[in-house]
Amino acid sequence: EDPPSPCISVCIIDADNGLCQGCFRTIEEVADWPVL
């Protein structure tokens, strides 16, 4: 019912596409996750 965080502790933002290489989220999605 309440989806878990997709974080796998590989927190590297790809400069080319702006996505985390571990969880495929944008930096905004990562920052906003706790309040979503």
Full PDB file with SEQRES, HELIX, SHEET, SSBOND, CRYST1, ORIGX, SCALE, CONECT and MASTER records, all heavy atoms in Angstrom:
SEQRES   1 A   36  GLU ASP PRO PRO SER PRO CYS ILE SER VAL CYS ILE ILE          
SEQRES   2 A   36  ASP ALA ASP ASN GLY LEU CYS GLN GLY CYS PHE ARG THR          
SEQRES   3 A   36  ILE GLU GLU VAL ALA ASP TRP PRO VAL LEU                      
HELIX    1 AA1 ILE A   27  ASP A   32  1                                   6    
HELIX    2 AA2 TRP A   33  VAL A   35  5                                   3    
CRYST1    1.000    1.000    1.000  90.00  90.00  90.00 P 1           1          
ORIGX1      1.000000  0.000000  0.000000        0.00000                         
ORIGX2      0.000000  1.000000  0.000000        0.00000                         
ORIGX3      0.000000  0.000000  1.000000        0.00000                         
SCALE1      1.000000  0.000000  0.000000        0.00000                         
SCALE2      0.000000  1.000000  0.000000        0.00000                         
SCALE3      0.000000  0.000000  1.000000        0.00000                         
ATOM      1  N   GLU A   1       0.818  -1.210   0.000  1.00  0.00           N  
ATOM      2  CA  GLU A   1       0.000   0.000   0.000  1.00  0.00           C  
ATOM      3  C   GLU A   1       0.855   1.265   0.000  1.00  0.00           C  
ATOM      4  O   GLU A   1       0.570   2.209  -0.724  1.00  0.00           O  
ATOM      5  CB  GLU A   1      -0.928  -0.005   1.209  1.00  0.00           C  
ATOM      6  CG  GLU A   1      -1.952   1.109   1.166  1.00  0.00           C  
ATOM      7  CD  GLU A   1      -2.963   0.980   2.276  1.00  0.00           C  
ATOM      8  OE1 GLU A   1      -3.450  -0.138   2.525  1.00  0.00           O  
ATOM      9  OE2 GLU A   1      -3.261   2.009   2.879  1.00  0.00           O  
ATOM     10  N   ASP A   2       1.889   1.318   0.844  1.00  0.00           N  
ATOM     11  CA  ASP A   2       2.810   2.457   0.866  1.00  0.00           C  
ATOM     12  C   ASP A   2       4.135   1.988   0.272  1.00  0.00           C  
ATOM     13  O   ASP A   2       4.898   1.272   0.916  1.00  0.00           O  
ATOM     14  CB  ASP A   2       3.007   2.973   2.291  1.00  0.00           C  
ATOM     15  CG  ASP A   2       3.799   4.278   2.334  1.00  0.00           C  
ATOM     16  OD1 ASP A   2       3.953   4.930   1.273  1.00  0.00           O  
ATOM     17  OD2 ASP A   2       4.260   4.655   3.416  1.00  0.00           O  
ATOM     18  N   PRO A   3       4.407   2.355  -0.981  1.00  0.00           N  
ATOM     19  CA  PRO A   3       5.598   1.856  -1.674  1.00  0.00           C  
ATOM     20  C   PRO A   3       6.900   2.185  -0.945  1.00  0.00           C  
ATOM     21  O   PRO A   3       7.065   3.282  -0.419  1.00  0.00           O  
ATOM     22  CB  PRO A   3       5.550   2.572  -3.023  1.00  0.00           C  
ATOM     23  CG  PRO A   3       4.117   2.930  -3.214  1.00  0.00           C  
ATOM     24  CD  PRO A   3       3.604   3.228  -1.836  1.00  0.00           C  
ATOM     25  N   PRO A   4       7.833   1.238  -0.931  1.00  0.00           N  
ATOM     26  CA  PRO A   4       9.133   1.481  -0.313  1.00  0.00           C  
ATOM     27  C   PRO A   4      10.002   2.377  -1.191  1.00  0.00           C  
ATOM     28  O   PRO A   4       9.755   2.517  -2.392  1.00  0.00           O  
ATOM     29  CB  PRO A   4       9.741   0.076  -0.220  1.00  0.00           C  
ATOM     30  CG  PRO A   4       9.151  -0.636  -1.389  1.00  0.00           C  
ATOM     31  CD  PRO A   4       7.741  -0.102  -1.495  1.00  0.00           C  
ATOM     32  N   SER A   5      11.013   2.939  -0.597  1.00  0.00           N  
ATOM     33  CA  SER A   5      11.975   3.729  -1.361  1.00  0.00           C  
ATOM     34  C   SER A   5      12.719   2.818  -2.330  1.00  0.00           C  
ATOM     35  O   SER A   5      13.094   1.705  -1.980  1.00  0.00           O  
ATOM     36  CB  SER A   5      12.979   4.383  -0.416  1.00  0.00           C  
ATOM     37  OG  SER A   5      14.036   4.963  -1.148  1.00  0.00           O  
ATOM     38  N   PRO A   6      12.969   3.292  -3.534  1.00  0.00           N  
ATOM     39  CA  PRO A   6      13.731   2.493  -4.492  1.00  0.00           C  
ATOM     40  C   PRO A   6      15.243   2.575  -4.284  1.00  0.00           C  
ATOM     41  O   PRO A   6      16.003   1.951  -4.996  1.00  0.00           O  
ATOM     42  CB  PRO A   6      13.336   3.095  -5.844  1.00  0.00           C  
ATOM     43  CG  PRO A   6      12.901   4.477  -5.537  1.00  0.00           C  
ATOM     44  CD  PRO A   6      12.362   4.474  -4.153  1.00  0.00           C  
ATOM     45  N   CYS A   7      15.681   3.326  -3.287  1.00  0.00           N  
ATOM     46  CA  CYS A   7      17.112   3.525  -3.040  1.00  0.00           C  
ATOM     47  C   CYS A   7      17.813   2.190  -2.774  1.00  0.00           C  
ATOM     48  O   CYS A   7      17.345   1.377  -1.983  1.00  0.00           O  
ATOM     49  CB  CYS A   7      17.309   4.455  -1.849  1.00  0.00           C  
ATOM     50  SG  CYS A   7      19.061   4.769  -1.492  1.00  0.00           S  
ATOM     51  N   ILE A   8      18.954   1.993  -3.441  1.00  0.00           N  
ATOM     52  CA  ILE A   8      19.779   0.807  -3.201  1.00  0.00           C  
ATOM     53  C   ILE A   8      21.173   1.214  -2.732  1.00  0.00           C  
ATOM     54  O   ILE A   8      22.125   0.455  -2.848  1.00  0.00           O  
ATOM     55  CB  ILE A   8      19.844  -0.112  -4.437  1.00  0.00           C  
ATOM     56  CG1 ILE A   8      20.451   0.624  -5.630  1.00  0.00           C  
ATOM     57  CG2 ILE A   8      18.471  -0.674  -4.776  1.00  0.00           C  
ATOM     58  CD1 ILE A   8      20.826  -0.287  -6.793  1.00  0.00           C  
ATOM     59  N   SER A   9      21.295   2.442  -2.242  1.00  0.00           N  
ATOM     60  CA  SER A   9      22.542   2.984  -1.687  1.00  0.00           C  
ATOM     61  C   SER A   9      23.669   3.078  -2.711  1.00  0.00           C  
ATOM     62  O   SER A   9      24.838   2.912  -2.372  1.00  0.00           O  
ATOM     63  CB  SER A   9      22.985   2.173  -0.462  1.00  0.00           C  
ATOM     64  OG  SER A   9      22.004   2.267   0.542  1.00  0.00           O  
ATOM     65  N   VAL A  10      23.307   3.323  -3.954  1.00  0.00           N  
ATOM     66  CA  VAL A  10      24.264   3.644  -5.008  1.00  0.00           C  
ATOM     67  C   VAL A  10      23.858   5.029  -5.494  1.00  0.00           C  
ATOM     68  O   VAL A  10      23.153   5.180  -6.476  1.00  0.00           O  
ATOM     69  CB  VAL A  10      24.221   2.620  -6.174  1.00  0.00           C  
ATOM     70  CG1 VAL A  10      25.195   3.015  -7.269  1.00  0.00           C  
ATOM     71  CG2 VAL A  10      24.510   1.228  -5.669  1.00  0.00           C  
ATOM     72  N   CYS A  11      24.281   6.035  -4.752  1.00  0.00           N  
ATOM     73  CA  CYS A  11      23.771   7.397  -4.954  1.00  0.00           C  
ATOM     74  C   CYS A  11      24.736   8.231  -5.784  1.00  0.00           C  
ATOM     75  O   CYS A  11      25.529   9.009  -5.251  1.00  0.00           O  
ATOM     76  CB  CYS A  11      23.489   8.052  -3.606  1.00  0.00           C  
ATOM     77  SG  CYS A  11      22.378   7.076  -2.565  1.00  0.00           S  
ATOM     78  N   ILE A  12      24.664   8.028  -7.093  1.00  0.00           N  
ATOM     79  CA  ILE A  12      25.515   8.757  -8.033  1.00  0.00           C  
ATOM     80  C   ILE A  12      24.612   9.305  -9.131  1.00  0.00           C  
ATOM     81  O   ILE A  12      23.964   8.532  -9.846  1.00  0.00           O  
ATOM     82  CB  ILE A  12      26.590   7.844  -8.655  1.00  0.00           C  
ATOM     83  CG1 ILE A  12      27.457   7.218  -7.566  1.00  0.00           C  
ATOM     84  CG2 ILE A  12      27.434   8.608  -9.664  1.00  0.00           C  
ATOM     85  CD1 ILE A  12      28.350   6.096  -8.050  1.00  0.00           C  
ATOM     86  N   ILE A  13      24.549  10.623  -9.249  1.00  0.00           N  
ATOM     87  CA  ILE A  13      23.724  11.239 -10.281  1.00  0.00           C  
ATOM     88  C   ILE A  13      24.520  11.295 -11.580  1.00  0.00           C  
ATOM     89  O   ILE A  13      25.618  11.857 -11.635  1.00  0.00           O  
ATOM     90  CB  ILE A  13      23.264  12.653  -9.868  1.00  0.00           C  
ATOM     91  CG1 ILE A  13      22.462  12.610  -8.565  1.00  0.00           C  
ATOM     92  CG2 ILE A  13      22.457  13.304 -10.990  1.00  0.00           C  
ATOM     93  CD1 ILE A  13      21.173  11.807  -8.628  1.00  0.00           C  
ATOM     94  N   ASP A  14      23.962  10.707 -12.624  1.00  0.00           N  
ATOM     95  CA  ASP A  14      24.576  10.705 -13.945  1.00  0.00           C  
ATOM     96  C   ASP A  14      24.466  12.108 -14.537  1.00  0.00           C  
ATOM     97  O   ASP A  14      23.368  12.648 -14.677  1.00  0.00           O  
ATOM     98  CB  ASP A  14      23.855   9.687 -14.837  1.00  0.00           C  
ATOM     99  CG  ASP A  14      24.525   9.507 -16.178  1.00  0.00           C  
ATOM    100  OD1 ASP A  14      24.706  10.516 -16.894  1.00  0.00           O  
ATOM    101  OD2 ASP A  14      24.842   8.364 -16.517  1.00  0.00           O  
ATOM    102  N   ALA A  15      25.586  12.700 -14.886  1.00  0.00           N  
ATOM    103  CA  ALA A  15      25.600  14.067 -15.414  1.00  0.00           C  
ATOM    104  C   ALA A  15      24.907  14.167 -16.771  1.00  0.00           C  
ATOM    105  O   ALA A  15      24.381  15.230 -17.122  1.00  0.00           O  
ATOM    106  CB  ALA A  15      27.040  14.565 -15.528  1.00  0.00           C  
ATOM    107  N   ASP A  16      24.869  13.081 -17.523  1.00  0.00           N  
ATOM    108  CA  ASP A  16      24.259  13.116 -18.855  1.00  0.00           C  
ATOM    109  C   ASP A  16      22.738  13.114 -18.812  1.00  0.00           C  
ATOM    110  O   ASP A  16      22.089  13.820 -19.580  1.00  0.00           O  
ATOM    111  CB  ASP A  16      24.748  11.941 -19.705  1.00  0.00           C  
ATOM    112  CG  ASP A  16      26.224  12.045 -20.036  1.00  0.00           C  
ATOM    113  OD1 ASP A  16      26.739  13.182 -20.132  1.00  0.00           O  
ATOM    114  OD2 ASP A  16      26.871  10.992 -20.187  1.00  0.00           O  
ATOM    115  N   ASN A  17      22.152  12.295 -17.915  1.00  0.00           N  
ATOM    116  CA  ASN A  17      20.687  12.198 -17.923  1.00  0.00           C  
ATOM    117  C   ASN A  17      20.036  12.700 -16.637  1.00  0.00           C  
ATOM    118  O   ASN A  17      18.808  12.759 -16.550  1.00  0.00           O  
ATOM    119  CB  ASN A  17      20.242  10.760 -18.221  1.00  0.00           C  
ATOM    120  CG  ASN A  17      20.692   9.766 -17.173  1.00  0.00           C  
ATOM    121  OD1 ASN A  17      21.020  10.114 -16.048  1.00  0.00           O  
ATOM    122  ND2 ASN A  17      20.717   8.489 -17.556  1.00  0.00           N  
ATOM    123  N   GLY A  18      20.831  13.043 -15.621  1.00  0.00           N  
ATOM    124  CA  GLY A  18      20.281  13.576 -14.384  1.00  0.00           C  
ATOM    125  C   GLY A  18      19.618  12.553 -13.479  1.00  0.00           C  
ATOM    126  O   GLY A  18      18.915  12.920 -12.546  1.00  0.00           O  
ATOM    127  N   LEU A  19      19.839  11.269 -13.749  1.00  0.00           N  
ATOM    128  CA  LEU A  19      19.225  10.203 -12.953  1.00  0.00           C  
ATOM    129  C   LEU A  19      20.243   9.539 -12.053  1.00  0.00           C  
ATOM    130  O   LEU A  19      21.419   9.403 -12.406  1.00  0.00           O  
ATOM    131  CB  LEU A  19      18.617   9.141 -13.868  1.00  0.00           C  
ATOM    132  CG  LEU A  19      17.519   9.591 -14.822  1.00  0.00           C  
ATOM    133  CD1 LEU A  19      17.116   8.437 -15.737  1.00  0.00           C  
ATOM    134  CD2 LEU A  19      16.332  10.135 -14.061  1.00  0.00           C  
ATOM    135  N   CYS A  20      19.779   9.100 -10.888  1.00  0.00           N  
ATOM    136  CA  CYS A  20      20.623   8.320  -9.998  1.00  0.00           C  
ATOM    137  C   CYS A  20      20.941   6.993 -10.685  1.00  0.00           C  
ATOM    138  O   CYS A  20      20.052   6.328 -11.219  1.00  0.00           O  
ATOM    139  CB  CYS A  20      19.904   8.074  -8.666  1.00  0.00           C  
ATOM    140  SG  CYS A  20      20.823   6.982  -7.567  1.00  0.00           S  
ATOM    141  N   GLN A  21      22.203   6.613 -10.652  1.00  0.00           N  
ATOM    142  CA  GLN A  21      22.611   5.362 -11.294  1.00  0.00           C  
ATOM    143  C   GLN A  21      22.113   4.138 -10.541  1.00  0.00           C  
ATOM    144  O   GLN A  21      22.040   3.054 -11.107  1.00  0.00           O  
ATOM    145  CB  GLN A  21      24.126   5.316 -11.437  1.00  0.00           C  
ATOM    146  CG  GLN A  21      24.648   6.341 -12.412  1.00  0.00           C  
ATOM    147  CD  GLN A  21      26.165   6.309 -12.545  1.00  0.00           C  
ATOM    148  OE1 GLN A  21      26.849   5.444 -12.016  1.00  0.00           O  
ATOM    149  NE2 GLN A  21      26.694   7.283 -13.263  1.00  0.00           N  
ATOM    150  N   GLY A  22      21.743   4.307  -9.277  1.00  0.00           N  
ATOM    151  CA  GLY A  22      21.255   3.180  -8.490  1.00  0.00           C  
ATOM    152  C   GLY A  22      19.761   2.966  -8.598  1.00  0.00           C  
ATOM    153  O   GLY A  22      19.297   1.843  -8.796  1.00  0.00           O  
ATOM    154  N   CYS A  23      18.988   4.043  -8.478  1.00  0.00           N  
ATOM    155  CA  CYS A  23      17.530   3.881  -8.397  1.00  0.00           C  
ATOM    156  C   CYS A  23      16.764   4.530  -9.551  1.00  0.00           C  
ATOM    157  O   CYS A  23      15.541   4.442  -9.590  1.00  0.00           O  
ATOM    158  CB  CYS A  23      17.007   4.423  -7.062  1.00  0.00           C  
ATOM    159  SG  CYS A  23      17.173   6.215  -6.866  1.00  0.00           S  
ATOM    160  N   PHE A  24      17.452   5.186 -10.460  1.00  0.00           N  
ATOM    161  CA  PHE A  24      16.836   5.794 -11.644  1.00  0.00           C  
ATOM    162  C   PHE A  24      15.870   6.936 -11.324  1.00  0.00           C  
ATOM    163  O   PHE A  24      14.986   7.231 -12.108  1.00  0.00           O  
ATOM    164  CB  PHE A  24      16.128   4.739 -12.504  1.00  0.00           C  
ATOM    165  CG  PHE A  24      17.086   3.838 -13.235  1.00  0.00           C  
ATOM    166  CD1 PHE A  24      17.596   2.715 -12.611  1.00  0.00           C  
ATOM    167  CD2 PHE A  24      17.490   4.116 -14.523  1.00  0.00           C  
ATOM    168  CE1 PHE A  24      18.496   1.876 -13.258  1.00  0.00           C  
ATOM    169  CE2 PHE A  24      18.381   3.292 -15.182  1.00  0.00           C  
ATOM    170  CZ  PHE A  24      18.891   2.162 -14.554  1.00  0.00           C  
ATOM    171  N   ARG A  25      16.053   7.581 -10.147  1.00  0.00           N  
ATOM    172  CA  ARG A  25      15.238   8.751  -9.823  1.00  0.00           C  
ATOM    173  C   ARG A  25      16.019  10.021 -10.130  1.00  0.00           C  
ATOM    174  O   ARG A  25      17.250  10.022 -10.119  1.00  0.00           O  
ATOM    175  CB  ARG A  25      14.860   8.770  -8.330  1.00  0.00           C  
ATOM    176  CG  ARG A  25      13.892   7.693  -7.935  1.00  0.00           C  
ATOM    177  CD  ARG A  25      13.507   7.814  -6.471  1.00  0.00           C  
ATOM    178  NE  ARG A  25      14.626   7.466  -5.599  1.00  0.00           N  
ATOM    179  CZ  ARG A  25      14.617   7.601  -4.282  1.00  0.00           C  
ATOM    180  NH1 ARG A  25      13.569   8.100  -3.654  1.00  0.00           N  
ATOM    181  NH2 ARG A  25      15.661   7.240  -3.569  1.00  0.00           N  
ATOM    182  N   THR A  26      15.279  11.117 -10.355  1.00  0.00           N  
ATOM    183  CA  THR A  26      15.907  12.422 -10.470  1.00  0.00           C  
ATOM    184  C   THR A  26      16.269  12.900  -9.068  1.00  0.00           C  
ATOM    185  O   THR A  26      15.752  12.383  -8.070  1.00  0.00           O  
ATOM    186  CB  THR A  26      14.959  13.450 -11.109  1.00  0.00           C  
ATOM    187  OG1 THR A  26      13.846  13.665 -10.220  1.00  0.00           O  
ATOM    188  CG2 THR A  26      14.460  12.995 -12.477  1.00  0.00           C  
ATOM    189  N   ILE A  27      17.123  13.895  -8.979  1.00  0.00           N  
ATOM    190  CA  ILE A  27      17.495  14.428  -7.669  1.00  0.00           C  
ATOM    191  C   ILE A  27      16.266  15.012  -6.964  1.00  0.00           C  
ATOM    192  O   ILE A  27      16.140  14.909  -5.742  1.00  0.00           O  
ATOM    193  CB  ILE A  27      18.644  15.468  -7.787  1.00  0.00           C  
ATOM    194  CG1 ILE A  27      19.241  15.792  -6.423  1.00  0.00           C  
ATOM    195  CG2 ILE A  27      18.186  16.714  -8.499  1.00  0.00           C  
ATOM    196  CD1 ILE A  27      20.033  14.686  -5.799  1.00  0.00           C  
ATOM    197  N   GLU A  28      15.339  15.567  -7.732  1.00  0.00           N  
ATOM    198  CA  GLU A  28      14.109  16.105  -7.145  1.00  0.00           C  
ATOM    199  C   GLU A  28      13.256  14.988  -6.548  1.00  0.00           C  
ATOM    200  O   GLU A  28      12.690  15.138  -5.471  1.00  0.00           O  
ATOM    201  CB  GLU A  28      13.309  16.891  -8.193  1.00  0.00           C  
ATOM    202  CG  GLU A  28      13.964  18.174  -8.649  1.00  0.00           C  
ATOM    203  CD  GLU A  28      15.004  17.963  -9.750  1.00  0.00           C  
ATOM    204  OE1 GLU A  28      15.117  16.837 -10.309  1.00  0.00           O  
ATOM    205  OE2 GLU A  28      15.738  18.928 -10.036  1.00  0.00           O  
ATOM    206  N   GLU A  29      13.156  13.875  -7.258  1.00  0.00           N  
ATOM    207  CA  GLU A  29      12.381  12.736  -6.751  1.00  0.00           C  
ATOM    208  C   GLU A  29      13.008  12.167  -5.486  1.00  0.00           C  
ATOM    209  O   GLU A  29      12.296  11.783  -4.555  1.00  0.00           O  
ATOM    210  CB  GLU A  29      12.255  11.656  -7.833  1.00  0.00           C  
ATOM    211  CG  GLU A  29      11.377  12.064  -8.988  1.00  0.00           C  
ATOM    212  CD  GLU A  29      11.476  11.154 -10.194  1.00  0.00           C  
ATOM    213  OE1 GLU A  29      12.469  10.399 -10.320  1.00  0.00           O  
ATOM    214  OE2 GLU A  29      10.558  11.207 -11.032  1.00  0.00           O  
ATOM    215  N   VAL A  30      14.329  12.128  -5.441  1.00  0.00           N  
ATOM    216  CA  VAL A  30      15.024  11.641  -4.246  1.00  0.00           C  
ATOM    217  C   VAL A  30      14.730  12.571  -3.068  1.00  0.00           C  
ATOM    218  O   VAL A  30      14.377  12.121  -1.975  1.00  0.00           O  
ATOM    219  CB  VAL A  30      16.549  11.538  -4.490  1.00  0.00           C  
ATOM    220  CG1 VAL A  30      17.297  11.244  -3.197  1.00  0.00           C  
ATOM    221  CG2 VAL A  30      16.868  10.479  -5.543  1.00  0.00           C  
ATOM    222  N   ALA A  31      14.847  13.872  -3.302  1.00  0.00           N  
ATOM    223  CA  ALA A  31      14.644  14.853  -2.231  1.00  0.00           C  
ATOM    224  C   ALA A  31      13.201  14.872  -1.739  1.00  0.00           C  
ATOM    225  O   ALA A  31      12.945  15.026  -0.541  1.00  0.00           O  
ATOM    226  CB  ALA A  31      15.057  16.238  -2.713  1.00  0.00           C  
ATOM    227  N   ASP A  32      12.253  14.706  -2.652  1.00  0.00           N  
ATOM    228  CA  ASP A  32      10.837  14.790  -2.302  1.00  0.00           C  
ATOM    229  C   ASP A  32      10.277  13.502  -1.690  1.00  0.00           C  
ATOM    230  O   ASP A  32       9.207  13.523  -1.079  1.00  0.00           O  
ATOM    231  CB  ASP A  32       9.993  15.130  -3.541  1.00  0.00           C  
ATOM    232  CG  ASP A  32      10.227  16.545  -4.037  1.00  0.00           C  
ATOM    233  OD1 ASP A  32      10.812  17.357  -3.287  1.00  0.00           O  
ATOM    234  OD2 ASP A  32       9.832  16.832  -5.181  1.00  0.00           O  
ATOM    235  N   TRP A  33      10.956  12.374  -1.856  1.00  0.00           N  
ATOM    236  CA  TRP A  33      10.413  11.075  -1.466  1.00  0.00           C  
ATOM    237  C   TRP A  33       9.803  11.047  -0.062  1.00  0.00           C  
ATOM    238  O   TRP A  33       8.692  10.539   0.101  1.00  0.00           O  
ATOM    239  CB  TRP A  33      11.477   9.980  -1.606  1.00  0.00           C  
ATOM    240  CG  TRP A  33      10.892   8.624  -1.406  1.00  0.00           C  
ATOM    241  CD1 TRP A  33      10.877   7.893  -0.253  1.00  0.00           C  
ATOM    242  CD2 TRP A  33      10.188   7.851  -2.374  1.00  0.00           C  
ATOM    243  NE1 TRP A  33      10.220   6.699  -0.451  1.00  0.00           N  
ATOM    244  CE2 TRP A  33       9.790   6.654  -1.751  1.00  0.00           C  
ATOM    245  CE3 TRP A  33       9.868   8.051  -3.715  1.00  0.00           C  
ATOM    246  CZ2 TRP A  33       9.087   5.669  -2.416  1.00  0.00           C  
ATOM    247  CZ3 TRP A  33       9.172   7.064  -4.383  1.00  0.00           C  
ATOM    248  CH2 TRP A  33       8.778   5.886  -3.737  1.00  0.00           C  
ATOM    249  N   PRO A  34      10.467  11.584   0.962  1.00  0.00           N  
ATOM    250  CA  PRO A  34       9.908  11.477   2.323  1.00  0.00           C  
ATOM    251  C   PRO A  34       8.540  12.150   2.503  1.00  0.00           C  
ATOM    252  O   PRO A  34       7.790  11.780   3.406  1.00  0.00           O  
ATOM    253  CB  PRO A  34      10.959  12.153   3.209  1.00  0.00           C  
ATOM    254  CG  PRO A  34      12.211  12.110   2.420  1.00  0.00           C  
ATOM    255  CD  PRO A  34      11.786  12.205   0.986  1.00  0.00           C  
ATOM    256  N   VAL A  35       8.211  13.107   1.658  1.00  0.00           N  
ATOM    257  CA  VAL A  35       6.943  13.830   1.828  1.00  0.00           C  
ATOM    258  C   VAL A  35       5.886  13.434   0.799  1.00  0.00           C  
ATOM    259  O   VAL A  35       4.780  13.958   0.818  1.00  0.00           O  
ATOM    260  CB  VAL A  35       7.152  15.365   1.810  1.00  0.00           C  
ATOM    261  CG1 VAL A  35       8.040  15.784   2.974  1.00  0.00           C  
ATOM    262  CG2 VAL A  35       7.732  15.829   0.485  1.00  0.00           C  
ATOM    263  N   LEU A  36       6.207  12.509  -0.086  1.00  0.00           N  
ATOM    264  CA  LEU A  36       5.239  12.082  -1.095  1.00  0.00           C  
ATOM    265  C   LEU A  36       4.192  11.146  -0.492  1.00  0.00           C  
ATOM    266  O   LEU A  36       4.520  10.311   0.362  1.00  0.00           O  
ATOM    267  CB  LEU A  36       5.939  11.364  -2.252  1.00  0.00           C  
ATOM    268  CG  LEU A  36       6.910  12.178  -3.090  1.00  0.00           C  
ATOM    269  CD1 LEU A  36       7.553  11.289  -4.152  1.00  0.00           C  
ATOM    270  CD2 LEU A  36       6.217  13.367  -3.737  1.00  0.00           C  
TER     271      LEU A  36                                                      
MASTER        0    0    0    2    0    0    0    6  270    1    0    3          
END                                                                             
